[in-house]
Amino acid sequence: MKTTYYSASMELSIPSELGYEVIARDAVAAFALRMGFTHERVEDLKTALSEACINAIEHGNMLAPNLRVNVACMCDNDRLLVEIHDQGLKHHTPAQMPLSMADKLAGLGSMRGMGLLLIGQLMDEAGFDPNSPDGNRFHLTLYRQHTVEHVPSQRTE
């Protein structure tokens, strides 16, 4: 197994109150710009991170203001990795066969889960860590060499 060494990192912790995701979004955006990511990719990251933090606040921590959402950023020569970790009052359980965004927009199912679909479209990689023993851990990854051939994935195992 290859060990990855990160050249720069940043961590922050926010309360589980809606509105604080903006602080996390702006801090991570500044970090990504400092690491040399393009404005366009940083805008995608801002949208995805906001959605991930809102999910952690609403679903993982169930809006309990005494709980925290931790955000960690790590950047190396190849990628920027952002991890969002809630305290998991409610653990994420992946859907068996999630509907596509087009199916949801066509009214074939609940609009719940649209945020995860959006994140999957904006990021090079995104998904839950199935081995998290404490709370929910969700990651967002942006590669420096973003190409059309790279298909975004959404790990939900």
C-alpha atoms as a PDB file:
ATOM      1  CA  MET A   1       0.000   0.000   0.000  1.00  0.00           C
ATOM      2  CA  LYS A   2       1.371   3.385  -1.035  1.00  0.00           C
ATOM      3  CA  THR A   3       1.694   6.001   1.709  1.00  0.00           C
ATOM      4  CA  THR A   4       0.614   9.494   0.716  1.00  0.00           C
ATOM      5  CA  TYR A   5       2.384  12.446   2.278  1.00  0.00           C
ATOM      6  CA  TYR A   6       0.492  15.709   2.191  1.00  0.00           C
ATOM      7  CA  SER A   7       2.354  18.932   1.596  1.00  0.00           C
ATOM      8  CA  ALA A   8      -0.262  21.112   3.293  1.00  0.00           C
ATOM      9  CA  SER A   9      -3.208  20.588   5.583  1.00  0.00           C
ATOM     10  CA  MET A  10      -5.846  22.491   7.511  1.00  0.00           C
ATOM     11  CA  GLU A  11      -8.503  21.523  10.056  1.00  0.00           C
ATOM     12  CA  LEU A  12     -11.515  23.292  11.468  1.00  0.00           C
ATOM     13  CA  SER A  13     -14.456  22.437  13.673  1.00  0.00           C
ATOM     14  CA  ILE A  14     -17.908  24.006  13.470  1.00  0.00           C
ATOM     15  CA  PRO A  15     -21.030  23.653  15.606  1.00  0.00           C
ATOM     16  CA  SER A  16     -23.985  21.712  14.218  1.00  0.00           C
ATOM     17  CA  GLU A  17     -25.977  24.819  13.403  1.00  0.00           C
ATOM     18  CA  LEU A  18     -27.097  25.744   9.919  1.00  0.00           C
ATOM     19  CA  GLY A  19     -25.166  28.758   8.679  1.00  0.00           C
ATOM     20  CA  TYR A  20     -21.777  27.592   9.936  1.00  0.00           C
ATOM     21  CA  GLU A  21     -21.306  25.610   6.717  1.00  0.00           C
ATOM     22  CA  VAL A  22     -20.614  28.997   5.084  1.00  0.00           C
ATOM     23  CA  ILE A  23     -17.593  29.496   7.345  1.00  0.00           C
ATOM     24  CA  ALA A  24     -16.265  26.022   6.477  1.00  0.00           C
ATOM     25  CA  ARG A  25     -16.947  26.629   2.776  1.00  0.00           C
ATOM     26  CA  ASP A  26     -15.086  29.934   2.709  1.00  0.00           C
ATOM     27  CA  ALA A  27     -12.103  28.616   4.691  1.00  0.00           C
ATOM     28  CA  VAL A  28     -11.716  25.530   2.492  1.00  0.00           C
ATOM     29  CA  ALA A  29     -12.119  27.646  -0.655  1.00  0.00           C
ATOM     30  CA  ALA A  30      -9.306  29.952   0.488  1.00  0.00           C
ATOM     31  CA  PHE A  31      -7.130  26.909   1.214  1.00  0.00           C
ATOM     32  CA  ALA A  32      -7.843  25.387  -2.235  1.00  0.00           C
ATOM     33  CA  LEU A  33      -7.048  28.658  -4.010  1.00  0.00           C
ATOM     34  CA  ARG A  34      -3.814  28.935  -2.034  1.00  0.00           C
ATOM     35  CA  MET A  35      -2.959  25.396  -3.170  1.00  0.00           C
ATOM     36  CA  GLY A  36      -3.340  26.477  -6.806  1.00  0.00           C
ATOM     37  CA  PHE A  37      -6.720  25.059  -7.789  1.00  0.00           C
ATOM     38  CA  THR A  38      -8.625  27.017 -10.422  1.00  0.00           C
ATOM     39  CA  HIS A  39     -11.465  29.351  -9.519  1.00  0.00           C
ATOM     40  CA  GLU A  40     -13.917  27.128 -11.440  1.00  0.00           C
ATOM     41  CA  ARG A  41     -12.922  23.990  -9.513  1.00  0.00           C
ATOM     42  CA  VAL A  42     -13.020  25.885  -6.214  1.00  0.00           C
ATOM     43  CA  GLU A  43     -16.593  27.006  -6.979  1.00  0.00           C
ATOM     44  CA  ASP A  44     -17.549  23.336  -7.481  1.00  0.00           C
ATOM     45  CA  LEU A  45     -15.823  22.495  -4.208  1.00  0.00           C
ATOM     46  CA  LYS A  46     -17.687  25.259  -2.374  1.00  0.00           C
ATOM     47  CA  THR A  47     -21.051  23.902  -3.515  1.00  0.00           C
ATOM     48  CA  ALA A  48     -20.159  20.296  -2.694  1.00  0.00           C
ATOM     49  CA  LEU A  49     -18.675  21.161   0.704  1.00  0.00           C
ATOM     50  CA  SER A  50     -21.680  23.266   1.697  1.00  0.00           C
ATOM     51  CA  GLU A  51     -23.988  20.391   0.838  1.00  0.00           C
ATOM     52  CA  ALA A  52     -21.819  17.863   2.704  1.00  0.00           C
ATOM     53  CA  CYS A  53     -21.675  20.058   5.824  1.00  0.00           C
ATOM     54  CA  ILE A  54     -25.435  20.639   5.764  1.00  0.00           C
ATOM     55  CA  ASN A  55     -25.946  16.860   5.517  1.00  0.00           C
ATOM     56  CA  ALA A  56     -23.602  16.323   8.489  1.00  0.00           C
ATOM     57  CA  ILE A  57     -25.418  18.979  10.535  1.00  0.00           C
ATOM     58  CA  GLU A  58     -28.960  17.880   9.644  1.00  0.00           C
ATOM     59  CA  HIS A  59     -28.674  14.129   9.239  1.00  0.00           C
ATOM     60  CA  GLY A  60     -25.556  12.995  11.103  1.00  0.00           C
ATOM     61  CA  ASN A  61     -25.761  15.288  14.126  1.00  0.00           C
ATOM     62  CA  MET A  62     -29.530  15.828  13.886  1.00  0.00           C
ATOM     63  CA  LEU A  63     -29.185  19.608  14.386  1.00  0.00           C
ATOM     64  CA  ALA A  64     -27.791  19.192  17.927  1.00  0.00           C
ATOM     65  CA  PRO A  65     -25.886  22.495  18.426  1.00  0.00           C
ATOM     66  CA  ASN A  66     -23.680  20.992  21.139  1.00  0.00           C
ATOM     67  CA  LEU A  67     -22.191  18.539  18.598  1.00  0.00           C
ATOM     68  CA  ARG A  68     -19.408  19.350  16.135  1.00  0.00           C
ATOM     69  CA  VAL A  69     -18.689  18.857  12.461  1.00  0.00           C
ATOM     70  CA  ASN A  70     -14.973  18.581  11.759  1.00  0.00           C
ATOM     71  CA  VAL A  71     -13.511  19.436   8.371  1.00  0.00           C
ATOM     72  CA  ALA A  72      -9.968  18.414   7.425  1.00  0.00           C
ATOM     73  CA  CYS A  73      -8.187  19.401   4.192  1.00  0.00           C
ATOM     74  CA  MET A  74      -5.072  17.696   2.898  1.00  0.00           C
ATOM     75  CA  CYS A  75      -3.312  18.629  -0.309  1.00  0.00           C
ATOM     76  CA  ASP A  76      -0.455  16.925  -2.139  1.00  0.00           C
ATOM     77  CA  ASN A  77       0.951  17.184  -5.654  1.00  0.00           C
ATOM     78  CA  ASP A  78      -1.954  15.191  -7.141  1.00  0.00           C
ATOM     79  CA  ARG A  79      -5.087  16.097  -5.248  1.00  0.00           C
ATOM     80  CA  LEU A  80      -7.006  17.956  -2.591  1.00  0.00           C
ATOM     81  CA  LEU A  81      -8.840  15.732  -0.122  1.00  0.00           C
ATOM     82  CA  VAL A  82     -11.497  17.183   2.183  1.00  0.00           C
ATOM     83  CA  GLU A  83     -12.992  15.027   4.926  1.00  0.00           C
ATOM     84  CA  ILE A  84     -16.201  15.947   6.742  1.00  0.00           C
ATOM     85  CA  HIS A  85     -16.774  14.111  10.012  1.00  0.00           C
ATOM     86  CA  ASP A  86     -19.900  14.384  12.160  1.00  0.00           C
ATOM     87  CA  GLN A  87     -20.542  12.791  15.538  1.00  0.00           C
ATOM     88  CA  GLY A  88     -23.136  10.457  14.059  1.00  0.00           C
ATOM     89  CA  LEU A  89     -26.273  10.456  16.133  1.00  0.00           C
ATOM     90  CA  LYS A  90     -27.731   8.964  12.969  1.00  0.00           C
ATOM     91  CA  HIS A  91     -25.474   6.826  10.780  1.00  0.00           C
ATOM     92  CA  HIS A  92     -25.692   6.955   7.005  1.00  0.00           C
ATOM     93  CA  THR A  93     -27.271   3.917   5.403  1.00  0.00           C
ATOM     94  CA  PRO A  94     -26.843   3.814   1.618  1.00  0.00           C
ATOM     95  CA  ALA A  95     -29.854   3.231  -0.597  1.00  0.00           C
ATOM     96  CA  GLN A  96     -29.961  -0.128  -2.355  1.00  0.00           C
ATOM     97  CA  MET A  97     -30.376   1.315  -5.841  1.00  0.00           C
ATOM     98  CA  PRO A  98     -30.403   5.116  -5.761  1.00  0.00           C
ATOM     99  CA  LEU A  99     -32.365   6.902  -8.443  1.00  0.00           C
ATOM    100  CA  SER A 100     -30.572   9.179 -10.875  1.00  0.00           C
ATOM    101  CA  MET A 101     -30.995  12.934 -10.759  1.00  0.00           C
ATOM    102  CA  ALA A 102     -33.037  12.739 -13.983  1.00  0.00           C
ATOM    103  CA  ASP A 103     -35.388  10.154 -12.431  1.00  0.00           C
ATOM    104  CA  LYS A 104     -35.878  12.293  -9.333  1.00  0.00           C
ATOM    105  CA  LEU A 105     -36.554  15.403 -11.425  1.00  0.00           C
ATOM    106  CA  ALA A 106     -39.060  13.389 -13.475  1.00  0.00           C
ATOM    107  CA  GLY A 107     -40.985  12.688 -10.262  1.00  0.00           C
ATOM    108  CA  LEU A 108     -40.127   8.990 -10.087  1.00  0.00           C
ATOM    109  CA  GLY A 109     -39.036   9.195  -6.464  1.00  0.00           C
ATOM    110  CA  SER A 110     -38.355  11.377  -3.475  1.00  0.00           C
ATOM    111  CA  MET A 111     -36.243  14.480  -3.932  1.00  0.00           C
ATOM    112  CA  ARG A 112     -34.286  13.436  -0.826  1.00  0.00           C
ATOM    113  CA  GLY A 113     -30.690  12.576  -1.683  1.00  0.00           C
ATOM    114  CA  MET A 114     -30.319  15.213  -4.397  1.00  0.00           C
ATOM    115  CA  GLY A 115     -27.397  16.744  -2.508  1.00  0.00           C
ATOM    116  CA  LEU A 116     -25.368  13.537  -2.712  1.00  0.00           C
ATOM    117  CA  LEU A 117     -26.110  13.269  -6.428  1.00  0.00           C
ATOM    118  CA  LEU A 118     -24.998  16.870  -6.956  1.00  0.00           C
ATOM    119  CA  ILE A 119     -21.803  16.295  -4.979  1.00  0.00           C
ATOM    120  CA  GLY A 120     -21.063  13.215  -7.099  1.00  0.00           C
ATOM    121  CA  GLN A 121     -21.349  15.309 -10.254  1.00  0.00           C
ATOM    122  CA  LEU A 122     -19.135  18.137  -9.007  1.00  0.00           C
ATOM    123  CA  MET A 123     -16.280  16.185  -7.411  1.00  0.00           C
ATOM    124  CA  ASP A 124     -13.763  13.789  -8.921  1.00  0.00           C
ATOM    125  CA  GLU A 125     -14.505  11.436  -6.033  1.00  0.00           C
ATOM    126  CA  ALA A 126     -16.946  11.612  -3.148  1.00  0.00           C
ATOM    127  CA  GLY A 127     -18.393   9.175  -0.674  1.00  0.00           C
ATOM    128  CA  PHE A 128     -18.799   7.850   2.833  1.00  0.00           C
ATOM    129  CA  ASP A 129     -16.086   5.932   4.637  1.00  0.00           C
ATOM    130  CA  PRO A 130     -17.796   2.624   5.430  1.00  0.00           C
ATOM    131  CA  ASN A 131     -15.253   1.833   8.164  1.00  0.00           C
ATOM    132  CA  SER A 132     -15.822   4.900  10.335  1.00  0.00           C
ATOM    133  CA  PRO A 133     -16.264   3.672  13.906  1.00  0.00           C
ATOM    134  CA  ASP A 134     -17.417   7.030  15.275  1.00  0.00           C
ATOM    135  CA  GLY A 135     -19.899   9.110  13.365  1.00  0.00           C
ATOM    136  CA  ASN A 136     -20.075   9.565   9.610  1.00  0.00           C
ATOM    137  CA  ARG A 137     -17.000  10.393   7.550  1.00  0.00           C
ATOM    138  CA  PHE A 138     -17.530  11.763   4.068  1.00  0.00           C
ATOM    139  CA  HIS A 139     -14.764  12.698   1.652  1.00  0.00           C
ATOM    140  CA  LEU A 140     -14.507  15.038  -1.325  1.00  0.00           C
ATOM    141  CA  THR A 141     -11.582  14.769  -3.737  1.00  0.00           C
ATOM    142  CA  LEU A 142     -10.393  17.136  -6.459  1.00  0.00           C
ATOM    143  CA  TYR A 143      -7.539  16.029  -8.689  1.00  0.00           C
ATOM    144  CA  ARG A 144      -5.145  18.593 -10.111  1.00  0.00           C
ATOM    145  CA  GLN A 145      -5.332  16.904 -13.523  1.00  0.00           C
ATOM    146  CA  HIS A 146      -9.102  17.099 -13.947  1.00  0.00           C
ATOM    147  CA  THR A 147      -9.942  15.593 -17.314  1.00  0.00           C
ATOM    148  CA  VAL A 148     -13.104  14.799 -19.211  1.00  0.00           C
ATOM    149  CA  GLU A 149     -12.166  11.096 -19.117  1.00  0.00           C
ATOM    150  CA  HIS A 150     -12.182  11.106 -15.297  1.00  0.00           C
ATOM    151  CA  VAL A 151     -15.680  10.019 -14.308  1.00  0.00           C
ATOM    152  CA  PRO A 152     -16.881  11.261 -10.920  1.00  0.00           C
ATOM    153  CA  SER A 153     -17.674   8.467  -8.492  1.00  0.00           C
ATOM    154  CA  GLN A 154     -19.878   8.332  -5.456  1.00  0.00           C
ATOM    155  CA  ARG A 155     -18.747   5.664  -3.052  1.00  0.00           C
ATOM    156  CA  THR A 156     -21.641   4.802  -0.821  1.00  0.00           C
ATOM    157  CA  GLU A 157     -20.537   1.424   0.498  1.00  0.00           C
END
